[in-house]
Protein backbone atom coordinates (compact mmCIF):
# COMPACT_ATOMS: atom_id res chain seq x y z
CA MET A 1 127.01 169.44 -25.05
CA LEU A 2 127.14 172.99 -26.23
CA VAL A 3 127.04 174.01 -30.46
CA LYS A 4 127.38 176.84 -31.26
CA LEU A 5 125.82 178.81 -34.83
CA PHE A 6 127.45 181.34 -36.80
CA ALA A 7 126.63 183.48 -39.38
CA THR A 8 123.73 182.27 -41.73
CA LEU A 9 122.97 179.15 -39.46
CA ILE A 10 121.76 181.68 -36.82
CA GLU A 11 119.42 182.92 -39.26
CA PHE A 12 118.51 179.41 -40.35
CA THR A 13 118.10 178.32 -37.10
CA GLY A 14 117.35 180.90 -35.08
CA LYS A 15 119.65 179.85 -32.31
CA ARG A 16 123.07 180.77 -31.62
CA LYS A 17 123.75 178.24 -28.75
CA LEU A 18 121.87 174.96 -28.11
CA GLU A 19 122.65 172.68 -25.83
CA ILE A 20 122.36 169.14 -26.92
CA SER A 21 122.55 165.49 -25.23
CA GLY A 22 123.39 162.03 -27.01
CA PRO A 23 125.08 162.03 -29.88
CA LYS A 24 128.52 160.28 -29.29
CA THR A 25 129.97 160.88 -32.79
CA VAL A 26 129.44 164.59 -34.85
CA GLY A 27 127.98 163.39 -38.02
CA GLU A 28 125.34 162.01 -34.56
CA LEU A 29 124.80 165.25 -34.35
CA LEU A 30 124.54 166.53 -37.63
CA ASP A 31 121.79 164.19 -37.89
CA GLU A 32 120.17 165.18 -34.47
CA LEU A 33 120.49 169.08 -36.06
CA ASP A 34 119.13 167.97 -38.72
CA ARG A 35 115.80 166.25 -36.55
CA MET A 36 115.37 169.56 -35.13
CA PHE A 37 116.02 171.99 -37.92
CA PRO A 38 114.25 169.85 -41.24
CA GLY A 39 117.02 171.19 -43.94
CA PHE A 40 120.11 172.15 -41.30
CA LYS A 41 122.35 169.48 -43.85
CA LYS A 42 121.17 170.76 -46.53
CA GLU A 43 122.21 174.03 -45.14
CA LEU A 44 126.21 173.02 -45.36
CA GLU A 45 126.37 171.43 -48.33
CA GLN A 46 128.22 174.04 -49.80
CA GLY A 47 130.52 173.47 -47.27
CA HIS A 48 131.29 174.21 -43.53
CA ILE A 49 134.24 173.82 -41.00
CA ILE A 50 132.97 172.01 -37.66
CA LEU A 51 134.98 172.82 -34.78
CA VAL A 52 134.84 170.31 -31.39
CA ASN A 53 136.68 172.80 -29.23
CA GLY A 54 138.51 174.66 -30.91
CA LYS A 55 140.16 171.76 -33.28
CA ASN A 56 138.57 171.38 -37.30
CA ILE A 57 137.10 168.10 -37.78
CA GLU A 58 138.91 167.23 -40.74
CA HIS A 59 142.38 166.85 -38.54
CA LEU A 60 140.90 164.43 -36.41
CA GLN A 61 138.32 162.00 -37.57
CA GLY A 62 135.63 164.09 -39.51
CA LEU A 63 132.14 162.96 -39.40
CA ASP A 64 133.30 160.69 -37.01
CA THR A 65 134.67 162.31 -34.19
CA PRO A 66 133.57 161.17 -31.01
CA LEU A 67 132.40 163.53 -29.08
CA ARG A 68 131.40 164.23 -25.13
CA GLU A 69 129.11 165.33 -23.05
CA ASP A 70 131.55 168.95 -22.02
CA ASP A 71 132.33 169.42 -25.99
CA THR A 72 131.84 172.25 -27.62
CA ILE A 73 131.05 172.22 -31.16
CA SER A 74 132.06 175.22 -33.27
CA ILE A 75 129.31 174.96 -37.14
CA PHE A 76 131.20 177.51 -39.27
CA PRO A 77 129.64 178.20 -42.97
CA PRO A 78 131.39 178.81 -46.16
CA ALA A 79 132.82 181.95 -46.05
CA GLY A 80 132.35 184.32 -49.04
CA GLY A 81 134.45 186.67 -49.92
CA GLY A 82 137.64 187.61 -52.11
């Protein structure tokens, strides 16, 4: 699957895009990213948006949203401003 990272997550990982195989759910994907980049999940503690094929997981099955190998997952850190 293709994982796209944005904003501070690019700075944290040094990557904009990653190809990852194996995770069956969004939660498993986050666990894998945390193994690859220790502290990744902590970076997301302030809130984040995760899209699977353009759909927010909050409107799907949350961290239990199933993933397929041909999915595109976009992860955005919280946005500031006002």
